[in-house]
Amino acid sequence: MNSKGLSNIWRTVEPQSSSLSSHRMAAKVYTDKLDLSGAQRCKIEEIYKTNKIEDYTFLSTNETQQIEPTACMATLQLDFDAWESLASHWSNKWARNSGKSHNRSHRVLFQCDCGYDHQAAGYKKHLNAVNFTGCLAHVEVTYLLSTQNILRICGYLIHNEECKEAVIACFPSVPLHPSVYGVALKQLRDGATLTDIQECNWQMLDAHLYCEQPHDLGKSLYRQFNRQQGIKVSEQAHINVHEWLDPNSPQFDKALRDAIFHYREDNHNGYVIQHI
């Protein structure tokens, strides 16, 4: 619980279609977890006081509606694959799981790296790849752990102009392939911005243009599409099949189940399916 008390974590919300309970819908974003300067914090408090944040909710059971949050996350460069990317300019500041079984969800709060104040975080040196610009952008994402379907996107999604023009000030401590370094250094010499470098990186990754790049990378779009269809590419195939045929699973497919003549789980040899 927020140490500042209940008055700081609840807000009034209008009724709307959502897979979240009214209790969860009323929970405020934990902005006290963001690493902000005093001036930034005052501005963000004013943003929430005047209700200038963006707050979108989505039904986890509506496959068509899930296209919108997936596209929004990709536009923000916050799709699930981008979370692990070194090119990402978002940092995870807080996270929490809640709920049970198939309704268990995950809330995670991201802050734009250009808004990170190292002194507020308790560090003497600025360790981010980009310089501090006072950017106020931050976003909280809530999604189901079982399906990764998005339930809510909430926060202040506007980057300031200095952030949009920011250039890389130092390279990340995690080692990069020499070909990635080479391209980025050439762009820096040409005066490229951080956004230019990131866009070029994604384009070259998707087109497999980096030297010695494995051919199984750059498939984020297809992984997102498969996820929307209930297919988890990170799971073994027989686990996906079991989820589709299990009536207690959120990915249960009645039409597919009806088409199966016989189905049973074999603990030694995988799953056995017979169909007409």
Protein backbone atom coordinates (compact mmCIF):
# COMPACT_ATOMS: atom_id res chain seq x y z
CA MET A 1 0.00 0.00 0.00
CA ASN A 2 1.09 3.54 -0.71
CA SER A 3 2.73 5.01 2.38
CA LYS A 4 1.05 8.34 1.70
CA GLY A 5 -2.36 6.94 2.58
CA LEU A 6 -5.57 5.97 0.84
CA SER A 7 -6.41 9.52 -0.19
CA ASN A 8 -3.61 9.43 -2.74
CA ILE A 9 -4.40 6.13 -4.47
CA TRP A 10 -8.15 6.28 -5.18
CA ARG A 11 -10.01 8.29 -7.76
CA THR A 12 -13.54 8.70 -9.07
CA VAL A 13 -14.22 6.87 -12.33
CA GLU A 14 -17.14 6.82 -14.73
CA PRO A 15 -18.83 3.43 -15.37
CA GLN A 16 -17.47 1.78 -18.54
CA SER A 17 -17.03 -1.65 -20.13
CA SER A 18 -14.07 -3.37 -18.54
CA SER A 19 -12.84 -6.75 -17.33
CA LEU A 20 -11.59 -5.02 -14.18
CA SER A 21 -13.60 -4.72 -10.98
CA SER A 22 -14.82 -1.31 -9.79
CA HIS A 23 -12.28 -1.57 -6.97
CA ARG A 24 -9.42 -2.05 -9.46
CA MET A 25 -10.79 0.68 -11.74
CA ALA A 26 -10.73 3.19 -8.88
CA ALA A 27 -7.04 2.61 -8.10
CA LYS A 28 -4.78 5.52 -9.03
CA VAL A 29 -1.45 5.24 -10.78
CA TYR A 30 1.38 5.07 -8.23
CA THR A 31 3.14 8.22 -9.39
CA ASP A 32 5.17 8.30 -6.18
CA LYS A 33 7.15 5.36 -7.63
CA LEU A 34 8.41 7.57 -10.49
CA ASP A 35 11.88 9.12 -10.17
CA LEU A 36 10.96 12.81 -10.56
CA SER A 37 12.41 16.19 -9.71
CA GLY A 38 10.37 18.51 -7.51
CA ALA A 39 9.24 20.55 -10.54
CA GLN A 40 8.18 17.40 -12.42
CA ARG A 41 6.20 16.11 -9.48
CA CYS A 42 4.30 19.39 -9.17
CA LYS A 43 3.41 19.25 -12.88
CA ILE A 44 2.24 15.63 -12.67
CA GLU A 45 0.12 16.39 -9.60
CA GLU A 46 -1.53 19.18 -11.60
CA ILE A 47 -2.09 16.82 -14.57
CA TYR A 48 -3.96 14.34 -12.35
CA LYS A 49 -5.82 17.09 -10.52
CA THR A 50 -7.13 18.46 -13.83
CA ASN A 51 -7.74 14.93 -15.19
CA LYS A 52 -5.49 15.34 -18.23
CA ILE A 53 -4.34 11.73 -18.20
CA GLU A 54 -5.42 9.12 -20.76
CA ASP A 55 -7.25 6.09 -19.36
CA TYR A 56 -8.37 3.24 -21.63
CA THR A 57 -9.95 -0.08 -20.59
CA PHE A 58 -10.55 -3.17 -22.69
CA LEU A 59 -12.48 -6.42 -22.45
CA SER A 60 -10.19 -9.42 -22.24
CA THR A 61 -12.83 -11.64 -23.87
CA ASN A 62 -13.26 -9.44 -26.96
CA GLU A 63 -10.65 -10.46 -29.55
CA THR A 64 -11.60 -7.61 -31.90
CA GLN A 65 -11.26 -5.02 -29.13
CA GLN A 66 -7.81 -6.39 -28.24
CA ILE A 67 -6.46 -5.15 -31.59
CA GLU A 68 -6.66 -1.54 -30.34
CA PRO A 69 -4.48 -1.93 -27.20
CA THR A 70 -2.00 -4.10 -29.08
CA ALA A 71 -1.58 -1.38 -31.71
CA CYS A 72 -1.40 1.31 -29.01
CA MET A 73 1.34 -0.56 -27.14
CA ALA A 74 3.33 -0.99 -30.35
CA THR A 75 2.98 2.73 -31.15
CA LEU A 76 4.31 3.58 -27.69
CA GLN A 77 7.13 1.05 -28.23
CA LEU A 78 5.79 -0.84 -25.23
CA ASP A 79 4.68 -4.10 -26.85
CA PHE A 80 5.78 -7.18 -24.91
CA ASP A 81 8.85 -7.80 -27.08
CA ALA A 82 10.03 -4.19 -26.68
CA TRP A 83 10.08 -4.50 -22.88
CA GLU A 84 13.28 -6.52 -23.14
CA SER A 85 14.85 -4.40 -25.90
CA LEU A 86 17.96 -2.35 -25.15
CA ALA A 87 16.59 0.27 -27.55
CA SER A 88 13.56 0.89 -25.33
CA HIS A 89 13.38 4.33 -23.73
CA TRP A 90 10.97 3.14 -21.01
CA SER A 91 11.97 1.81 -17.57
CA ASN A 92 9.94 -0.40 -15.24
CA LYS A 93 9.35 1.46 -11.95
CA TRP A 94 6.76 -0.66 -10.16
CA ALA A 95 4.78 -3.86 -10.67
CA ARG A 96 2.22 -5.98 -8.83
CA ASN A 97 0.20 -9.16 -9.43
CA SER A 98 -3.38 -9.58 -8.22
CA GLY A 99 -6.31 -11.94 -8.65
CA LYS A 100 -6.42 -15.72 -8.77
CA SER A 101 -6.19 -18.51 -11.32
CA HIS A 102 -7.06 -17.49 -14.90
CA ASN A 103 -8.12 -14.00 -13.72
CA ARG A 104 -4.68 -13.23 -12.26
CA SER A 105 -3.43 -9.94 -13.70
CA HIS A 106 -0.22 -7.93 -13.71
CA ARG A 107 0.10 -4.16 -13.29
CA VAL A 108 3.35 -2.52 -14.36
CA LEU A 109 4.33 1.17 -14.32
CA PHE A 110 6.75 2.54 -16.92
CA GLN A 111 8.55 5.91 -16.95
CA CYS A 112 10.18 7.58 -19.94
CA ASP A 113 13.96 7.53 -19.50
CA CYS A 114 14.18 11.23 -20.43
CA GLY A 115 12.12 11.99 -17.32
CA TYR A 116 14.34 10.00 -14.97
CA ASP A 117 15.93 12.20 -12.30
CA HIS A 118 18.94 10.30 -10.93
CA GLN A 119 19.14 12.47 -7.81
CA ALA A 120 15.53 11.66 -6.92
CA ALA A 121 16.45 7.99 -7.38
CA GLY A 122 19.34 8.38 -4.95
CA TYR A 123 22.25 8.20 -7.42
CA LYS A 124 25.13 10.64 -7.80
CA LYS A 125 25.57 9.96 -11.53
CA HIS A 126 23.08 9.88 -14.39
CA LEU A 127 23.23 6.29 -15.66
CA ASN A 128 20.61 6.37 -18.42
CA ALA A 129 21.48 6.19 -22.11
CA VAL A 130 19.72 9.53 -22.68
CA ASN A 131 20.02 12.84 -20.86
CA PHE A 132 17.37 14.22 -18.52
CA THR A 133 14.85 16.47 -20.30
CA GLY A 134 12.14 16.69 -17.65
CA CYS A 135 9.77 14.54 -19.73
CA LEU A 136 6.57 13.69 -17.85
CA ALA A 137 5.50 10.65 -19.91
CA HIS A 138 4.59 7.55 -17.92
CA VAL A 139 2.10 4.72 -18.38
CA GLU A 140 0.63 1.92 -16.31
CA VAL A 141 -0.33 -1.27 -18.16
CA THR A 142 -2.58 -3.99 -16.75
CA TYR A 143 -2.87 -7.34 -18.50
CA LEU A 144 -3.94 -10.94 -17.83
CA LEU A 145 -1.02 -13.22 -17.07
CA SER A 146 -2.74 -16.26 -18.63
CA THR A 147 -3.34 -14.69 -22.07
CA GLN A 148 -1.39 -11.38 -22.03
CA ASN A 149 -4.62 -9.66 -23.10
CA ILE A 150 -4.52 -5.95 -22.20
CA LEU A 151 -7.07 -4.79 -19.63
CA ARG A 152 -6.03 -1.18 -19.11
CA ILE A 153 -3.62 1.50 -20.35
CA CYS A 154 -3.46 4.57 -18.13
CA GLY A 155 -1.10 7.52 -17.75
CA TYR A 156 0.35 10.61 -19.38
CA LEU A 157 1.55 9.59 -22.84
CA ILE A 158 2.89 12.92 -24.17
CA HIS A 159 6.67 13.33 -24.48
CA ASN A 160 8.13 16.85 -24.36
CA GLU A 161 9.93 18.26 -27.41
CA GLU A 162 13.39 17.89 -25.86
CA CYS A 163 12.66 14.19 -25.31
CA LYS A 164 11.62 13.73 -28.94
CA GLU A 165 14.94 15.24 -30.06
CA ALA A 166 17.07 13.46 -27.46
CA VAL A 167 20.25 11.70 -28.61
CA ILE A 168 22.08 8.85 -26.93
CA ALA A 169 24.48 10.23 -24.32
CA CYS A 170 26.06 6.89 -23.39
CA PHE A 171 25.70 3.30 -24.50
CA PRO A 172 23.99 0.74 -22.22
CA SER A 173 26.16 -1.43 -19.97
CA VAL A 174 24.70 -4.61 -21.51
CA PRO A 175 26.98 -5.68 -24.39
CA LEU A 176 25.69 -5.07 -27.91
CA HIS A 177 26.76 -6.80 -31.07
CA PRO A 178 29.58 -4.86 -32.81
CA SER A 179 27.45 -4.36 -35.94
CA VAL A 180 24.75 -2.61 -33.85
CA TYR A 181 27.40 -0.35 -32.30
CA GLY A 182 28.82 0.44 -35.74
CA VAL A 183 25.50 1.54 -37.20
CA ALA A 184 24.59 3.60 -34.10
CA LEU A 185 27.98 5.35 -34.01
CA LYS A 186 27.67 6.29 -37.69
CA GLN A 187 24.21 7.73 -37.00
CA LEU A 188 25.55 9.73 -34.06
CA ARG A 189 28.28 11.20 -36.27
CA ASP A 190 25.55 12.20 -38.73
CA GLY A 191 23.61 13.96 -35.94
CA ALA A 192 20.80 11.41 -35.57
CA THR A 193 18.36 11.69 -32.66
CA LEU A 194 17.50 8.87 -30.27
CA THR A 195 14.23 8.32 -32.15
CA ASP A 196 16.11 8.05 -35.46
CA ILE A 197 18.51 5.47 -34.01
CA GLN A 198 15.69 3.42 -32.50
CA GLU A 199 13.64 3.43 -35.70
CA CYS A 200 16.67 2.42 -37.76
CA ASN A 201 17.47 -0.33 -35.28
CA TRP A 202 13.96 -1.80 -35.50
CA GLN A 203 13.90 -1.56 -39.31
CA MET A 204 17.28 -3.27 -39.68
CA LEU A 205 16.30 -5.90 -37.12
CA ASP A 206 13.06 -6.72 -38.93
CA ALA A 207 14.84 -6.83 -42.30
CA HIS A 208 17.72 -8.96 -40.93
CA LEU A 209 20.26 -6.38 -42.13
CA TYR A 210 22.68 -6.64 -39.22
CA CYS A 211 25.80 -8.68 -39.84
CA GLU A 212 25.53 -12.22 -38.36
CA GLN A 213 21.97 -11.57 -37.18
CA PRO A 214 20.03 -14.82 -36.47
CA HIS A 215 16.99 -15.28 -38.69
CA ASP A 216 14.58 -16.05 -35.84
CA LEU A 217 14.59 -12.43 -34.58
CA GLY A 218 12.42 -9.51 -35.63
CA LYS A 219 9.10 -11.36 -35.54
CA SER A 220 7.34 -9.23 -32.96
CA LEU A 221 4.27 -8.58 -35.16
CA TYR A 222 3.68 -12.28 -35.75
CA ARG A 223 4.11 -13.09 -32.05
CA GLN A 224 1.54 -10.43 -31.15
CA PHE A 225 -0.88 -11.78 -33.78
CA ASN A 226 -0.45 -15.35 -32.51
CA ARG A 227 -1.01 -14.15 -28.94
CA GLN A 228 -4.32 -12.59 -29.99
CA GLN A 229 -5.36 -15.96 -31.43
CA GLY A 230 -4.58 -17.63 -28.11
CA ILE A 231 -1.29 -19.15 -29.33
CA LYS A 232 1.69 -18.68 -27.03
CA VAL A 233 4.76 -19.16 -29.20
CA SER A 234 6.91 -19.38 -26.08
CA GLU A 235 5.00 -22.47 -24.92
CA GLN A 236 5.34 -26.00 -26.24
CA ALA A 237 2.68 -26.89 -28.81
CA HIS A 238 0.91 -29.50 -26.67
CA ILE A 239 0.35 -26.93 -23.90
CA ASN A 240 -1.45 -24.63 -26.35
CA VAL A 241 -3.63 -27.55 -27.47
CA HIS A 242 -4.54 -28.40 -23.89
CA GLU A 243 -5.51 -24.77 -23.20
CA TRP A 244 -7.85 -24.76 -26.22
CA LEU A 245 -9.55 -27.99 -25.12
CA ASP A 246 -9.75 -27.34 -21.39
CA PRO A 247 -13.23 -25.96 -20.48
CA ASN A 248 -11.70 -24.22 -17.45
CA SER A 249 -9.14 -22.32 -19.54
CA PRO A 250 -9.76 -18.71 -20.71
CA GLN A 251 -8.51 -19.87 -24.13
CA PHE A 252 -11.10 -22.67 -24.38
CA ASP A 253 -12.35 -23.10 -27.96
CA LYS A 254 -15.76 -24.82 -27.93
CA ALA A 255 -15.89 -25.20 -31.72
CA LEU A 256 -12.54 -26.99 -31.72
CA ARG A 257 -13.53 -29.12 -28.75
CA ASP A 258 -16.75 -30.20 -30.49
CA ALA A 259 -14.73 -31.27 -33.54
CA ILE A 260 -12.56 -33.61 -31.46
CA PHE A 261 -13.78 -37.21 -31.36
CA HIS A 262 -11.55 -38.21 -28.47
CA TYR A 263 -9.02 -36.36 -26.34
CA ARG A 264 -6.99 -37.40 -23.33
CA GLU A 265 -3.78 -36.33 -21.66
CA ASP A 266 -0.98 -38.88 -21.71
CA ASN A 267 1.62 -38.08 -19.07
CA HIS A 268 4.31 -40.04 -20.89
CA ASN A 269 3.72 -39.43 -24.57
CA GLY A 270 2.14 -36.01 -24.67
CA TYR A 271 -1.48 -35.42 -25.74
CA VAL A 272 -3.60 -37.79 -27.84
CA ILE A 273 -6.25 -36.39 -30.19
CA GLN A 274 -8.54 -38.30 -32.52
CA HIS A 275 -10.89 -36.44 -34.82
CA ILE A 276 -13.30 -37.20 -37.64
